[in-house]
């Protein structure tokens, strides 16, 4: 998580109590989840990712995501690297923002032992400097984050296409449902329709969906719809009512309530703060 009034942050957590991300969410900054130890399941938009030590997960702005334990094993250690556009802009014209963030086109990378050792050293130094207010310490911290991003981009450019995740038949069906919902979020979508798509009864599907993804069915659908609504608010001049209808909400007041609950501000306020056209 990016702390308030910070444009970049590096945090290492070691826990056996499952401390960390407990609810699905999205945000308007970049996030890199780097697992050091343990076993996690990561939900990223409509994709289920099995995360093992030395795996790196890339969460782009607006991605709906959730990290959860596997088989009730709560022990894990990870780095979380977060930064926003203001951080990238502060680097000046010497750095191309698109070059540094190209790696976010990927969902996941796996690091070799030597790559892990290299990046672990970089991030360890970065974390040591995160609360140091000395201006030179902050310069070094920024440089370490840039080194980390450049290194990951170089690895991503050299990597082959990722292999398919090993998931069960039930997980595969749920993932197919998530993909359908992600692609057709603005149409009428009911739990009964999706249960039929997954070849399950509605009751069983509802339980399986929650178990596999960590999301309630309605929660997932709302997150996807609101994610799309944020893009329309930033990039178009459509009215709030038009955007609500396009994203599958026939009641603009209900849309506003859901939007504020997920994003933390009203649609109008969000547009004023993020409008790009």
Protein backbone atom coordinates (compact mmCIF):
# COMPACT_ATOMS: atom_id res chain seq x y z
CA UNK A 1 0.00 0.00 0.00
CA UNK A 2 1.23 3.50 -0.82
CA UNK A 3 1.16 5.59 2.39
CA UNK A 4 -0.58 8.95 2.32
CA UNK A 5 1.61 11.80 1.03
CA UNK A 6 4.16 9.37 -0.39
CA UNK A 7 4.87 8.88 -4.11
CA UNK A 8 6.93 5.71 -3.60
CA UNK A 9 7.44 3.10 -0.91
CA UNK A 10 9.28 -0.16 -0.25
CA UNK A 11 8.10 -2.50 2.50
CA UNK A 12 9.17 -5.98 3.61
CA UNK A 13 6.80 -8.14 5.65
CA UNK A 14 7.54 -11.50 7.29
CA UNK A 15 4.49 -13.05 8.93
CA UNK A 16 2.93 -16.31 10.01
CA UNK A 17 -0.48 -14.78 10.71
CA UNK A 18 -1.47 -13.85 7.15
CA UNK A 19 -0.84 -10.13 7.71
CA UNK A 20 -1.19 -8.14 4.52
CA UNK A 21 -3.84 -7.94 1.81
CA UNK A 22 -7.15 -9.32 3.08
CA UNK A 23 -9.72 -7.74 0.74
CA UNK A 24 -9.97 -7.33 -2.99
CA UNK A 25 -9.20 -3.79 -4.08
CA UNK A 26 -7.76 -1.56 -6.78
CA UNK A 27 -5.82 1.71 -6.74
CA UNK A 28 -4.36 4.36 -9.01
CA UNK A 29 -0.70 3.49 -8.49
CA UNK A 30 1.69 0.76 -9.54
CA UNK A 31 2.41 -2.18 -7.24
CA UNK A 32 4.97 -5.00 -7.39
CA UNK A 33 4.44 -8.04 -5.15
CA UNK A 34 7.72 -9.95 -4.73
CA UNK A 35 7.39 -13.21 -2.78
CA UNK A 36 10.48 -14.21 -0.79
CA UNK A 37 9.10 -17.22 1.07
CA UNK A 38 5.85 -19.14 1.38
CA UNK A 39 3.08 -19.99 -1.07
CA UNK A 40 0.32 -17.59 -2.14
CA UNK A 41 -2.57 -17.50 -4.56
CA UNK A 42 -2.93 -14.16 -6.35
CA UNK A 43 -6.12 -13.00 -8.05
CA UNK A 44 -5.37 -10.40 -10.73
CA UNK A 45 -8.42 -9.25 -12.66
CA UNK A 46 -9.70 -12.49 -14.23
CA UNK A 47 -6.49 -14.50 -13.78
CA UNK A 48 -5.56 -16.89 -10.96
CA UNK A 49 -1.82 -16.96 -10.27
CA UNK A 50 0.03 -19.52 -8.18
CA UNK A 51 2.87 -17.61 -6.48
CA UNK A 52 6.01 -19.33 -5.21
CA UNK A 53 9.28 -17.94 -3.76
CA UNK A 54 11.13 -15.60 -6.16
CA UNK A 55 7.94 -14.92 -8.16
CA UNK A 56 7.15 -11.29 -8.97
CA UNK A 57 3.56 -10.11 -9.60
CA UNK A 58 2.85 -6.84 -11.45
CA UNK A 59 -0.29 -4.90 -10.50
CA UNK A 60 -1.02 -2.06 -12.91
CA UNK A 61 -3.11 0.97 -12.07
CA UNK A 62 -6.77 -0.01 -11.79
CA UNK A 63 -6.16 -3.76 -11.62
CA UNK A 64 -8.50 -5.59 -9.24
CA UNK A 65 -6.38 -7.85 -7.09
CA UNK A 66 -6.14 -9.98 -3.96
CA UNK A 67 -3.45 -12.11 -2.32
CA UNK A 68 -4.57 -15.07 -0.24
CA UNK A 69 -3.01 -18.12 1.46
CA UNK A 70 -2.92 -21.60 -0.04
CA UNK A 71 -4.18 -24.55 2.02
CA UNK A 72 -4.45 -22.37 5.14
CA UNK A 73 -0.68 -21.81 5.20
CA UNK A 74 -0.44 -18.24 6.49
CA UNK A 75 3.37 -18.05 6.65
CA UNK A 76 5.02 -15.91 4.00
CA UNK A 77 7.58 -13.16 3.40
CA UNK A 78 7.36 -10.57 0.66
CA UNK A 79 8.47 -7.18 -0.57
CA UNK A 80 5.89 -4.69 -1.76
CA UNK A 81 7.15 -1.91 -4.02
CA UNK A 82 4.65 0.84 -4.79
CA UNK A 83 4.92 4.11 -6.72
CA UNK A 84 2.68 6.50 -8.61
CA UNK A 85 2.87 8.71 -11.68
CA UNK A 86 4.18 11.61 -9.58
CA UNK A 87 7.24 9.51 -8.74
CA UNK A 88 7.83 8.78 -12.42
CA UNK A 89 7.30 12.43 -13.37
CA UNK A 90 9.82 13.53 -10.72
CA UNK A 91 12.55 11.62 -12.57
CA UNK A 92 12.49 14.20 -15.35
CA UNK A 93 13.04 13.84 -19.07
CA UNK A 94 16.08 11.59 -18.60
CA UNK A 95 13.73 8.65 -18.03
CA UNK A 96 10.91 7.50 -20.28
CA UNK A 97 7.89 6.54 -18.16
CA UNK A 98 6.67 4.01 -20.74
CA UNK A 99 10.06 2.25 -20.73
CA UNK A 100 10.07 1.89 -16.94
CA UNK A 101 6.47 0.64 -16.73
CA UNK A 102 6.53 -1.65 -19.77
CA UNK A 103 7.04 -4.61 -17.43
CA UNK A 104 3.48 -4.10 -16.13
CA UNK A 105 2.22 -5.57 -19.39
CA UNK A 106 3.27 -8.85 -17.77
CA UNK A 107 1.43 -10.47 -14.89
CA UNK A 108 4.22 -12.56 -13.43
CA UNK A 109 7.95 -13.26 -13.65
CA UNK A 110 10.09 -15.84 -11.89
CA UNK A 111 13.62 -14.87 -10.82
CA UNK A 112 16.60 -17.19 -10.84
CA UNK A 113 18.66 -17.52 -7.66
CA UNK A 114 21.27 -15.06 -8.92
CA UNK A 115 18.59 -12.56 -9.98
CA UNK A 116 16.87 -12.95 -6.63
CA UNK A 117 20.11 -12.30 -4.73
CA UNK A 118 20.78 -9.19 -6.79
CA UNK A 119 17.29 -7.70 -6.33
CA UNK A 120 17.03 -8.72 -2.69
CA UNK A 121 20.19 -6.71 -1.99
CA UNK A 122 18.82 -3.69 -3.88
CA UNK A 123 15.50 -3.77 -2.03
CA UNK A 124 17.12 -4.35 1.33
CA UNK A 125 19.10 -1.12 0.89
CA UNK A 126 16.00 0.67 -0.39
CA UNK A 127 13.93 -0.36 2.63
CA UNK A 128 16.68 0.82 4.98
CA UNK A 129 16.47 4.28 3.40
CA UNK A 130 12.68 4.55 3.17
CA UNK A 131 12.26 6.49 6.43
CA UNK A 132 15.55 8.36 6.23
CA UNK A 133 14.70 12.04 5.64
CA UNK A 134 18.23 12.90 4.49
CA UNK A 135 17.94 14.17 0.92
CA UNK A 136 20.84 12.02 -0.28
CA UNK A 137 19.30 8.90 1.24
CA UNK A 138 16.12 9.61 -0.74
CA UNK A 139 18.15 10.09 -3.93
CA UNK A 140 19.75 6.68 -3.33
CA UNK A 141 16.32 5.16 -2.65
CA UNK A 142 14.92 6.50 -5.92
CA UNK A 143 17.97 5.19 -7.76
CA UNK A 144 17.47 1.73 -6.21
CA UNK A 145 13.82 1.63 -7.30
CA UNK A 146 14.86 2.62 -10.83
CA UNK A 147 17.56 -0.09 -10.86
CA UNK A 148 14.93 -2.60 -9.76
CA UNK A 149 12.50 -1.55 -12.51
CA UNK A 150 15.17 -1.56 -15.20
CA UNK A 151 16.37 -5.01 -14.12
CA UNK A 152 12.86 -6.45 -14.22
CA UNK A 153 12.22 -4.96 -17.66
CA UNK A 154 15.42 -6.54 -18.96
CA UNK A 155 14.39 -9.94 -17.58
CA UNK A 156 10.88 -9.58 -19.04
CA UNK A 157 12.27 -8.79 -22.50
CA UNK A 158 14.41 -11.94 -22.43
CA UNK A 159 11.76 -14.26 -20.97
CA UNK A 160 9.71 -16.65 -23.06
CA UNK A 161 5.93 -16.84 -22.88
CA UNK A 162 4.82 -17.91 -19.40
CA UNK A 163 3.65 -21.47 -18.91
CA UNK A 164 0.06 -22.09 -17.96
CA UNK A 165 -0.75 -22.08 -14.26
CA UNK A 166 -1.46 -25.47 -12.72
CA UNK A 167 -5.06 -25.19 -11.54
CA UNK A 168 -7.82 -27.69 -10.84
CA UNK A 169 -10.80 -28.23 -13.09
CA UNK A 170 -12.99 -26.23 -10.70
CA UNK A 171 -10.49 -23.37 -10.64
CA UNK A 172 -10.34 -23.47 -14.44
CA UNK A 173 -14.12 -23.15 -14.64
CA UNK A 174 -14.14 -20.24 -12.18
CA UNK A 175 -11.35 -18.54 -14.13
CA UNK A 176 -13.40 -18.89 -17.31
CA UNK A 177 -16.35 -17.26 -15.54
CA UNK A 178 -14.11 -14.42 -14.33
CA UNK A 179 -12.85 -13.91 -17.87
CA UNK A 180 -16.43 -13.78 -19.16
CA UNK A 181 -17.41 -11.24 -16.51
CA UNK A 182 -14.33 -9.15 -17.27
CA UNK A 183 -15.17 -9.05 -20.98
CA UNK A 184 -18.96 -8.59 -20.71
CA UNK A 185 -19.21 -6.59 -17.47
CA UNK A 186 -21.64 -4.07 -19.02
CA UNK A 187 -24.24 -6.69 -19.85
CA UNK A 188 -26.78 -8.23 -17.50
CA UNK A 189 -24.89 -10.85 -15.47
CA UNK A 190 -26.51 -13.01 -12.82
CA UNK A 191 -25.14 -15.61 -10.46
CA UNK A 192 -27.47 -18.18 -12.01
CA UNK A 193 -26.10 -17.50 -15.52
CA UNK A 194 -22.50 -17.83 -14.35
CA UNK A 195 -23.25 -20.98 -12.37
CA UNK A 196 -24.65 -22.53 -15.55
CA UNK A 197 -21.51 -21.46 -17.44
CA UNK A 198 -19.41 -23.23 -14.78
CA UNK A 199 -21.64 -26.37 -14.82
CA UNK A 200 -22.47 -25.94 -11.13
CA UNK A 201 -25.58 -25.30 -9.08
CA UNK A 202 -25.94 -21.64 -8.00
CA UNK A 203 -25.33 -22.48 -4.33
CA UNK A 204 -22.26 -24.59 -5.02
CA UNK A 205 -20.94 -22.07 -7.54
CA UNK A 206 -21.27 -19.21 -5.05
CA UNK A 207 -19.22 -21.12 -2.46
CA UNK A 208 -16.61 -22.22 -5.00
CA UNK A 209 -16.27 -18.72 -6.44
CA UNK A 210 -15.55 -17.28 -2.99
CA UNK A 211 -13.12 -20.09 -2.11
CA UNK A 212 -11.18 -19.89 -5.37
CA UNK A 213 -11.02 -16.13 -5.88
CA UNK A 214 -11.44 -14.69 -2.40
CA UNK A 215 -14.22 -12.48 -3.83
CA UNK A 216 -17.94 -12.73 -3.34
CA UNK A 217 -19.68 -12.97 -6.73
CA UNK A 218 -21.31 -9.54 -6.49
CA UNK A 219 -18.12 -8.04 -5.01
CA UNK A 220 -16.09 -9.22 -8.00
CA UNK A 221 -18.61 -7.93 -10.52
CA UNK A 222 -18.79 -4.53 -8.82
CA UNK A 223 -15.00 -4.24 -8.72
CA UNK A 224 -14.72 -4.95 -12.45
CA UNK A 225 -17.50 -2.52 -13.34
CA UNK A 226 -16.11 0.26 -11.17
CA UNK A 227 -12.63 -0.29 -12.62
CA UNK A 228 -14.06 0.37 -16.07
CA UNK A 229 -16.03 3.34 -14.77
CA UNK A 230 -12.83 5.00 -13.50
CA UNK A 231 -11.36 4.79 -17.01
CA UNK A 232 -14.46 6.37 -18.55
CA UNK A 233 -14.44 9.15 -15.95
CA UNK A 234 -10.81 9.92 -16.75
CA UNK A 235 -10.93 9.62 -20.52
CA UNK A 236 -14.41 10.68 -21.71
CA UNK A 237 -16.94 13.47 -21.26
CA UNK A 238 -19.90 11.14 -20.75
CA UNK A 239 -22.18 12.09 -17.89
CA UNK A 240 -22.17 10.13 -14.63
CA UNK A 241 -25.59 8.70 -15.53
CA UNK A 242 -24.35 7.57 -18.95
CA UNK A 243 -21.25 5.94 -17.44
CA UNK A 244 -23.34 4.19 -14.80
CA UNK A 245 -25.65 2.74 -17.47
CA UNK A 246 -22.75 1.71 -19.70
CA UNK A 247 -21.13 -0.16 -16.79
CA UNK A 248 -24.29 -2.10 -16.02
CA UNK A 249 -25.92 0.11 -13.36
CA UNK A 250 -29.47 1.27 -14.08
CA UNK A 251 -29.61 3.31 -10.86
CA UNK A 252 -27.02 6.11 -10.88
CA UNK A 253 -27.46 6.66 -7.13
CA UNK A 254 -26.61 3.02 -6.44
CA UNK A 255 -23.68 3.35 -8.82
CA UNK A 256 -22.43 6.34 -6.82
CA UNK A 257 -22.68 4.43 -3.55
CA UNK A 258 -20.78 1.42 -4.93
CA UNK A 259 -18.17 3.68 -6.55
CA UNK A 260 -17.49 5.55 -3.31
CA UNK A 261 -17.28 2.31 -1.30
CA UNK A 262 -14.69 0.83 -3.66
CA UNK A 263 -12.70 3.89 -4.76
CA UNK A 264 -13.08 6.06 -1.68
CA UNK A 265 -14.52 9.13 -3.40
CA UNK A 266 -17.60 10.05 -5.42
CA UNK A 267 -17.57 9.76 -9.23
CA UNK A 268 -17.67 13.56 -9.55
CA UNK A 269 -14.72 14.07 -7.21
CA UNK A 270 -12.76 11.31 -8.92
CA UNK A 271 -13.30 12.93 -12.33
CA UNK A 272 -12.18 16.33 -11.07
CA UNK A 273 -8.96 14.83 -9.68
CA UNK A 274 -8.10 12.49 -12.58
CA UNK A 275 -9.68 13.88 -15.77
CA UNK A 276 -7.19 13.53 -18.63
CA UNK A 277 -8.92 14.88 -21.76
